[in-house]
Amino acid sequence: MRMIPPACARLCPIFWQRWMEYLGARGMIIGLDMTYVGQDNDTETIAVIEAAAAVFAAIGAEVVPVKVPDVTDVANAQMAYCQV
């Protein structure tokens, strides 16, 4: 995933610098499983998630790839238990 800084960084460099100094996301670690996100989602939703990750990375967060375990069996069992 290519991280592109928001347009604000180019258009308002002084504001962007102050934002990074005081309100950035330094120290935040965001795990993102694009395989999981891509399941049953349309391309627009995936694009928004990727854009949000890029913004967080641009303001100092670390976006790391993760793998969400398969929860199909658990979800199916829950449905069986919850049926009336």
Foldseek 3Di string as FASTA:
>chain_A
DDADEDCCCVVPVVVLVVCLVPPFPAPAEAEDALVVVVPPDDPVSSVVVVNVVSHNVNSHYHYHYDDDDDCVVVVVVVCVVPDD
